[in-house]
Amino acid sequence: VQLQASGGGLVQPGGSLRLSCAASAFTFDLYTIAWFRQAPGKEREGVSCITRNAGSLYYADSVKGRFTISRDNAKNTVYLQMNSLKPEDTAVYYCARRQLVGGTRCPTAEHEYGYWGQGTQVTVSS
């Protein structure tokens, strides 16, 4: 199982970024994928999640209305479109694959996810 997160960078407040999570070495369209983030000095938190067929989505309250998660099963990729970025969105963003196949809900607990990408840094600063 491989997950490669990319798309991070430095952006001014109010700006946008699109993160990508490219997956390989497993049957992508069978699994729920989530994005987590970890800011300096803080615990990692769940940001967003999408089930295998996008039937269920989850967004943390702090990003609702600003972030949009999507997936392209033909390209084995999950995207996180981040708009109206704030300095408090600064963190390393990780994508993760759920341990169990299938499922109709979007779990938020870290222990539900057994495979993690390497992370991509997002910095929101003027």
N, C-alpha and C. Protein backbone atom coordinates (compact mmCIF):
# COMPACT_ATOMS: atom_id res chain seq x y z
N VAL A 1 0.86 -1.19 0.00
CA VAL A 1 0.00 0.00 0.00
C VAL A 1 0.89 1.24 0.00
N GLN A 2 0.62 2.13 -0.95
CA GLN A 2 1.36 3.39 -1.00
C GLN A 2 0.40 4.54 -1.18
N LEU A 3 0.65 5.60 -0.42
CA LEU A 3 -0.12 6.83 -0.50
C LEU A 3 0.86 7.99 -0.61
N GLN A 4 0.68 8.80 -1.62
CA GLN A 4 1.59 9.92 -1.87
C GLN A 4 0.80 11.21 -1.85
N ALA A 5 1.01 12.01 -0.80
CA ALA A 5 0.33 13.30 -0.70
C ALA A 5 1.17 14.38 -1.36
N SER A 6 0.52 15.29 -2.05
CA SER A 6 1.23 16.39 -2.69
C SER A 6 0.30 17.59 -2.79
N GLY A 7 0.88 18.73 -3.20
CA GLY A 7 0.08 19.92 -3.45
C GLY A 7 0.19 20.99 -2.38
N GLY A 8 0.91 20.71 -1.32
CA GLY A 8 1.08 21.71 -0.28
C GLY A 8 1.96 22.85 -0.73
N GLY A 9 2.05 23.87 0.12
CA GLY A 9 2.88 25.02 -0.20
C GLY A 9 2.58 26.19 0.69
N LEU A 10 3.12 27.33 0.31
CA LEU A 10 2.90 28.58 1.05
C LEU A 10 1.84 29.40 0.31
N VAL A 11 0.84 29.83 1.04
CA VAL A 11 -0.25 30.60 0.44
C VAL A 11 -0.66 31.71 1.41
N GLN A 12 -1.11 32.81 0.87
CA GLN A 12 -1.57 33.91 1.71
C GLN A 12 -2.97 33.61 2.27
N PRO A 13 -3.31 34.20 3.39
CA PRO A 13 -4.67 34.05 3.92
C PRO A 13 -5.71 34.41 2.86
N GLY A 14 -6.75 33.59 2.78
CA GLY A 14 -7.77 33.78 1.77
C GLY A 14 -7.50 33.04 0.47
N GLY A 15 -6.32 32.49 0.35
CA GLY A 15 -5.95 31.78 -0.87
C GLY A 15 -6.45 30.35 -0.90
N SER A 16 -6.05 29.64 -1.95
CA SER A 16 -6.52 28.27 -2.17
C SER A 16 -5.36 27.34 -2.50
N LEU A 17 -5.54 26.09 -2.15
CA LEU A 17 -4.63 25.03 -2.55
C LEU A 17 -5.46 23.78 -2.81
N ARG A 18 -4.95 22.91 -3.67
CA ARG A 18 -5.57 21.61 -3.86
C ARG A 18 -4.55 20.53 -3.56
N LEU A 19 -4.85 19.74 -2.56
CA LEU A 19 -4.01 18.61 -2.22
C LEU A 19 -4.46 17.38 -2.99
N SER A 20 -3.49 16.54 -3.32
CA SER A 20 -3.78 15.27 -3.99
C SER A 20 -3.19 14.13 -3.17
N CYS A 21 -3.87 13.01 -3.19
CA CYS A 21 -3.38 11.79 -2.55
C CYS A 21 -3.44 10.69 -3.60
N ALA A 22 -2.28 10.35 -4.14
CA ALA A 22 -2.20 9.32 -5.17
C ALA A 22 -1.92 7.97 -4.51
N ALA A 23 -2.74 6.99 -4.83
CA ALA A 23 -2.64 5.68 -4.18
C ALA A 23 -2.19 4.62 -5.17
N SER A 24 -1.55 3.59 -4.63
CA SER A 24 -1.13 2.48 -5.47
C SER A 24 -0.97 1.23 -4.61
N ALA A 25 -0.90 0.10 -5.30
CA ALA A 25 -0.65 -1.20 -4.67
C ALA A 25 -1.81 -1.73 -3.85
N PHE A 26 -3.01 -1.23 -4.12
CA PHE A 26 -4.21 -1.83 -3.55
C PHE A 26 -5.38 -1.43 -4.43
N THR A 27 -6.52 -2.10 -4.22
CA THR A 27 -7.71 -1.82 -5.02
C THR A 27 -8.38 -0.57 -4.46
N PHE A 28 -8.07 0.55 -5.08
CA PHE A 28 -8.40 1.88 -4.54
C PHE A 28 -9.88 2.06 -4.29
N ASP A 29 -10.71 1.60 -5.22
CA ASP A 29 -12.14 1.93 -5.12
C ASP A 29 -12.87 1.10 -4.08
N LEU A 30 -12.17 0.30 -3.30
CA LEU A 30 -12.79 -0.46 -2.22
C LEU A 30 -12.67 0.23 -0.86
N TYR A 31 -11.90 1.31 -0.79
CA TYR A 31 -11.53 1.85 0.52
C TYR A 31 -11.90 3.31 0.74
N THR A 32 -12.24 3.59 1.99
CA THR A 32 -12.41 4.96 2.46
C THR A 32 -11.04 5.61 2.64
N ILE A 33 -10.95 6.87 2.23
CA ILE A 33 -9.72 7.65 2.36
C ILE A 33 -10.03 8.91 3.17
N ALA A 34 -9.09 9.28 4.03
CA ALA A 34 -9.28 10.47 4.85
C ALA A 34 -8.05 11.37 4.79
N TRP A 35 -8.29 12.62 5.13
CA TRP A 35 -7.21 13.60 5.32
C TRP A 35 -7.16 13.96 6.80
N PHE A 36 -5.97 13.95 7.35
CA PHE A 36 -5.70 14.43 8.70
C PHE A 36 -4.68 15.56 8.60
N ARG A 37 -4.55 16.32 9.67
CA ARG A 37 -3.50 17.34 9.71
C ARG A 37 -2.94 17.45 11.11
N GLN A 38 -1.69 17.89 11.17
CA GLN A 38 -1.04 18.10 12.45
C GLN A 38 -0.28 19.41 12.42
N ALA A 39 -0.73 20.32 13.27
CA ALA A 39 -0.06 21.61 13.41
C ALA A 39 1.05 21.50 14.45
N PRO A 40 2.03 22.38 14.41
CA PRO A 40 3.12 22.33 15.39
C PRO A 40 2.59 22.39 16.82
N GLY A 41 3.02 21.46 17.64
CA GLY A 41 2.62 21.45 19.05
C GLY A 41 1.22 20.96 19.32
N LYS A 42 0.55 20.48 18.29
CA LYS A 42 -0.83 20.00 18.46
C LYS A 42 -0.97 18.55 18.05
N GLU A 43 -2.03 17.93 18.51
CA GLU A 43 -2.30 16.56 18.12
C GLU A 43 -2.85 16.53 16.69
N ARG A 44 -2.66 15.37 16.06
CA ARG A 44 -3.20 15.21 14.71
C ARG A 44 -4.73 15.16 14.79
N GLU A 45 -5.39 15.77 13.82
CA GLU A 45 -6.85 15.82 13.82
C GLU A 45 -7.39 15.43 12.45
N GLY A 46 -8.57 14.85 12.46
CA GLY A 46 -9.23 14.51 11.21
C GLY A 46 -9.80 15.75 10.55
N VAL A 47 -9.59 15.87 9.26
CA VAL A 47 -10.04 17.04 8.51
C VAL A 47 -11.23 16.68 7.62
N SER A 48 -11.09 15.60 6.87
CA SER A 48 -12.12 15.23 5.92
C SER A 48 -11.96 13.76 5.55
N CYS A 49 -13.05 13.19 5.03
CA CYS A 49 -13.06 11.76 4.72
C CYS A 49 -14.06 11.52 3.60
N ILE A 50 -13.80 10.50 2.79
CA ILE A 50 -14.71 10.15 1.70
C ILE A 50 -14.74 8.64 1.58
N THR A 51 -15.94 8.08 1.53
CA THR A 51 -16.08 6.64 1.38
C THR A 51 -15.80 6.20 -0.05
N ARG A 52 -15.79 4.92 -0.26
CA ARG A 52 -15.31 4.34 -1.51
C ARG A 52 -16.01 4.90 -2.75
N ASN A 53 -17.32 5.11 -2.64
CA ASN A 53 -18.07 5.62 -3.79
C ASN A 53 -18.55 7.05 -3.58
N ALA A 54 -17.94 7.73 -2.60
CA ALA A 54 -18.29 9.12 -2.25
C ALA A 54 -19.71 9.24 -1.72
N GLY A 55 -20.26 8.13 -1.23
CA GLY A 55 -21.61 8.18 -0.70
C GLY A 55 -21.70 8.85 0.66
N SER A 56 -20.60 8.89 1.37
CA SER A 56 -20.56 9.55 2.67
C SER A 56 -19.31 10.41 2.74
N LEU A 57 -19.49 11.64 3.20
CA LEU A 57 -18.40 12.57 3.35
C LEU A 57 -18.37 13.08 4.78
N TYR A 58 -17.20 13.48 5.23
CA TYR A 58 -17.07 14.09 6.55
C TYR A 58 -16.16 15.31 6.44
N TYR A 59 -16.53 16.35 7.17
CA TYR A 59 -15.68 17.53 7.30
C TYR A 59 -15.64 17.95 8.76
N ALA A 60 -14.46 18.27 9.25
CA ALA A 60 -14.36 18.86 10.57
C ALA A 60 -15.07 20.21 10.57
N ASP A 61 -15.62 20.59 11.71
CA ASP A 61 -16.35 21.86 11.79
C ASP A 61 -15.47 23.03 11.36
N SER A 62 -14.20 22.94 11.64
CA SER A 62 -13.29 24.05 11.36
C SER A 62 -13.06 24.29 9.87
N VAL A 63 -13.43 23.31 9.02
CA VAL A 63 -13.18 23.46 7.58
C VAL A 63 -14.46 23.41 6.76
N LYS A 64 -15.59 23.17 7.39
CA LYS A 64 -16.86 23.09 6.65
C LYS A 64 -17.11 24.38 5.88
N GLY A 65 -17.54 24.21 4.63
CA GLY A 65 -17.83 25.36 3.80
C GLY A 65 -16.61 25.93 3.09
N ARG A 66 -15.42 25.46 3.47
CA ARG A 66 -14.19 25.96 2.84
C ARG A 66 -13.42 24.85 2.11
N PHE A 67 -13.49 23.64 2.62
CA PHE A 67 -12.77 22.52 2.03
C PHE A 67 -13.76 21.59 1.33
N THR A 68 -13.32 20.98 0.25
CA THR A 68 -14.13 20.00 -0.47
C THR A 68 -13.27 18.79 -0.80
N ILE A 69 -13.76 17.63 -0.40
CA ILE A 69 -13.05 16.39 -0.71
C ILE A 69 -13.72 15.71 -1.89
N SER A 70 -12.92 15.08 -2.74
CA SER A 70 -13.45 14.35 -3.88
C SER A 70 -12.48 13.22 -4.23
N ARG A 71 -12.93 12.32 -5.07
CA ARG A 71 -12.05 11.24 -5.49
C ARG A 71 -12.31 10.90 -6.94
N ASP A 72 -11.25 10.43 -7.60
CA ASP A 72 -11.34 9.95 -8.97
C ASP A 72 -10.82 8.52 -8.94
N ASN A 73 -11.73 7.58 -8.89
CA ASN A 73 -11.32 6.18 -8.76
C ASN A 73 -10.57 5.67 -9.99
N ALA A 74 -10.82 6.29 -11.13
CA ALA A 74 -10.09 5.89 -12.34
C ALA A 74 -8.61 6.29 -12.26
N LYS A 75 -8.34 7.33 -11.48
CA LYS A 75 -6.96 7.81 -11.33
C LYS A 75 -6.35 7.43 -9.98
N ASN A 76 -7.10 6.68 -9.19
CA ASN A 76 -6.61 6.26 -7.86
C ASN A 76 -6.15 7.45 -7.02
N THR A 77 -6.94 8.51 -7.04
CA THR A 77 -6.54 9.75 -6.39
C THR A 77 -7.71 10.38 -5.63
N VAL A 78 -7.39 10.88 -4.45
CA VAL A 78 -8.33 11.68 -3.67
C VAL A 78 -7.79 13.11 -3.62
N TYR A 79 -8.71 14.07 -3.71
CA TYR A 79 -8.33 15.48 -3.71
C TYR A 79 -8.94 16.18 -2.50
N LEU A 80 -8.26 17.21 -2.04
CA LEU A 80 -8.81 18.09 -1.01
C LEU A 80 -8.64 19.52 -1.51
N GLN A 81 -9.74 20.10 -1.96
CA GLN A 81 -9.72 21.49 -2.40
C GLN A 81 -9.90 22.38 -1.18
N MET A 82 -8.96 23.24 -0.93
CA MET A 82 -8.98 24.09 0.25
C MET A 82 -9.06 25.55 -0.18
N ASN A 83 -10.17 26.18 0.14
CA ASN A 83 -10.39 27.58 -0.20
C ASN A 83 -10.46 28.42 1.07
N SER A 84 -10.36 29.73 0.89
CA SER A 84 -10.45 30.67 2.02
C SER A 84 -9.55 30.24 3.17
N LEU A 85 -8.33 29.93 2.84
CA LEU A 85 -7.40 29.41 3.84
C LEU A 85 -7.09 30.44 4.91
N LYS A 86 -6.92 29.93 6.12
CA LYS A 86 -6.63 30.77 7.29
C LYS A 86 -5.28 30.36 7.88
N PRO A 87 -4.65 31.24 8.62
CA PRO A 87 -3.38 30.86 9.26
C PRO A 87 -3.50 29.61 10.13
N GLU A 88 -4.66 29.42 10.74
CA GLU A 88 -4.85 28.24 11.59
C GLU A 88 -4.96 26.94 10.80
N ASP A 89 -5.01 27.02 9.48
CA ASP A 89 -4.97 25.81 8.65
C ASP A 89 -3.54 25.32 8.43
N THR A 90 -2.57 26.10 8.87
CA THR A 90 -1.17 25.71 8.72
C THR A 90 -0.90 24.39 9.46
N ALA A 91 -0.39 23.41 8.73
CA ALA A 91 -0.16 22.08 9.30
C ALA A 91 0.48 21.20 8.24
N VAL A 92 0.93 20.04 8.68
CA VAL A 92 1.27 18.98 7.75
C VAL A 92 0.01 18.16 7.53
N TYR A 93 -0.34 17.98 6.27
CA TYR A 93 -1.55 17.25 5.91
C TYR A 93 -1.18 15.85 5.44
N TYR A 94 -1.88 14.86 5.99
CA TYR A 94 -1.64 13.46 5.68
C TYR A 94 -2.90 12.84 5.09
N CYS A 95 -2.73 11.98 4.09
CA CYS A 95 -3.85 11.16 3.67
C CYS A 95 -3.65 9.75 4.23
N ALA A 96 -4.77 9.08 4.45
CA ALA A 96 -4.72 7.78 5.09
C ALA A 96 -5.81 6.88 4.53
N ARG A 97 -5.54 5.59 4.50
CA ARG A 97 -6.50 4.61 4.03
C ARG A 97 -7.07 3.82 5.19
N ARG A 98 -8.38 3.65 5.17
CA ARG A 98 -9.02 2.90 6.22
C ARG A 98 -8.53 1.46 6.21
N GLN A 99 -8.42 0.88 7.41
CA GLN A 99 -7.99 -0.52 7.54
C GLN A 99 -8.92 -1.47 6.83
N LEU A 100 -10.24 -1.28 7.07
CA LEU A 100 -11.23 -2.23 6.58
C LEU A 100 -11.74 -1.84 5.21
N VAL A 101 -12.02 -2.84 4.41
CA VAL A 101 -12.58 -2.59 3.10
C VAL A 101 -14.04 -2.20 3.22
N GLY A 102 -14.51 -1.46 2.22
CA GLY A 102 -15.92 -1.11 2.14
C GLY A 102 -16.34 -0.12 3.21
N GLY A 103 -17.60 -0.27 3.66
CA GLY A 103 -18.12 0.62 4.68
C GLY A 103 -18.94 1.74 4.08
N THR A 104 -19.95 2.13 4.79
CA THR A 104 -20.83 3.20 4.32
C THR A 104 -20.73 4.45 5.16
N ARG A 105 -19.88 4.43 6.15
CA ARG A 105 -19.70 5.61 7.00
C ARG A 105 -18.27 6.09 6.90
N CYS A 106 -18.06 7.28 7.40
CA CYS A 106 -16.74 7.90 7.31
C CYS A 106 -16.17 8.04 8.71
N PRO A 107 -15.37 7.08 9.18
CA PRO A 107 -14.84 7.17 10.53
C PRO A 107 -13.82 8.27 10.69
N THR A 108 -13.74 8.82 11.88
CA THR A 108 -12.80 9.91 12.13
C THR A 108 -11.66 9.52 13.06
N ALA A 109 -11.76 8.38 13.70
CA ALA A 109 -10.72 7.96 14.64
C ALA A 109 -9.48 7.48 13.90
N GLU A 110 -8.32 7.92 14.37
CA GLU A 110 -7.08 7.54 13.70
C GLU A 110 -6.87 6.03 13.66
N HIS A 111 -7.29 5.31 14.69
CA HIS A 111 -7.03 3.87 14.72
C HIS A 111 -7.78 3.12 13.63
N GLU A 112 -8.75 3.78 13.00
CA GLU A 112 -9.47 3.15 11.89
C GLU A 112 -8.62 3.10 10.62
N TYR A 113 -7.54 3.86 10.60
CA TYR A 113 -6.74 4.01 9.39
C TYR A 113 -5.37 3.36 9.59
N GLY A 114 -5.05 2.41 8.73
CA GLY A 114 -3.84 1.64 8.93
C GLY A 114 -2.68 2.01 8.03
N TYR A 115 -2.95 2.85 7.03
CA TYR A 115 -1.90 3.20 6.08
C TYR A 115 -1.92 4.71 5.87
N TRP A 116 -0.71 5.27 5.93
CA TRP A 116 -0.58 6.73 5.90
C TRP A 116 0.43 7.16 4.84
N GLY A 117 0.15 8.31 4.21
CA GLY A 117 1.13 8.92 3.33
C GLY A 117 2.16 9.69 4.13
N GLN A 118 3.09 10.30 3.42
CA GLN A 118 4.22 10.95 4.09
C GLN A 118 3.92 12.37 4.54
N GLY A 119 2.84 12.95 4.12
CA GLY A 119 2.48 14.30 4.53
C GLY A 119 2.97 15.37 3.58
N THR A 120 2.21 16.45 3.49
CA THR A 120 2.59 17.60 2.69
C THR A 120 2.32 18.86 3.53
N GLN A 121 3.29 19.76 3.53
CA GLN A 121 3.21 20.95 4.38
C GLN A 121 2.34 22.02 3.73
N VAL A 122 1.40 22.55 4.51
CA VAL A 122 0.60 23.69 4.09
C VAL A 122 0.88 24.83 5.07
N THR A 123 1.31 25.95 4.54
CA THR A 123 1.60 27.12 5.36
C THR A 123 0.79 28.30 4.85
N VAL A 124 -0.03 28.85 5.73
CA VAL A 124 -0.87 29.99 5.37
C VAL A 124 -0.35 31.21 6.13
N SER A 125 0.24 32.12 5.40
CA SER A 125 0.89 33.27 6.04
C SER A 125 1.01 34.41 5.05
N SER A 126 0.92 35.61 5.58
CA SER A 126 1.14 36.78 4.73
C SER A 126 2.60 37.23 4.80
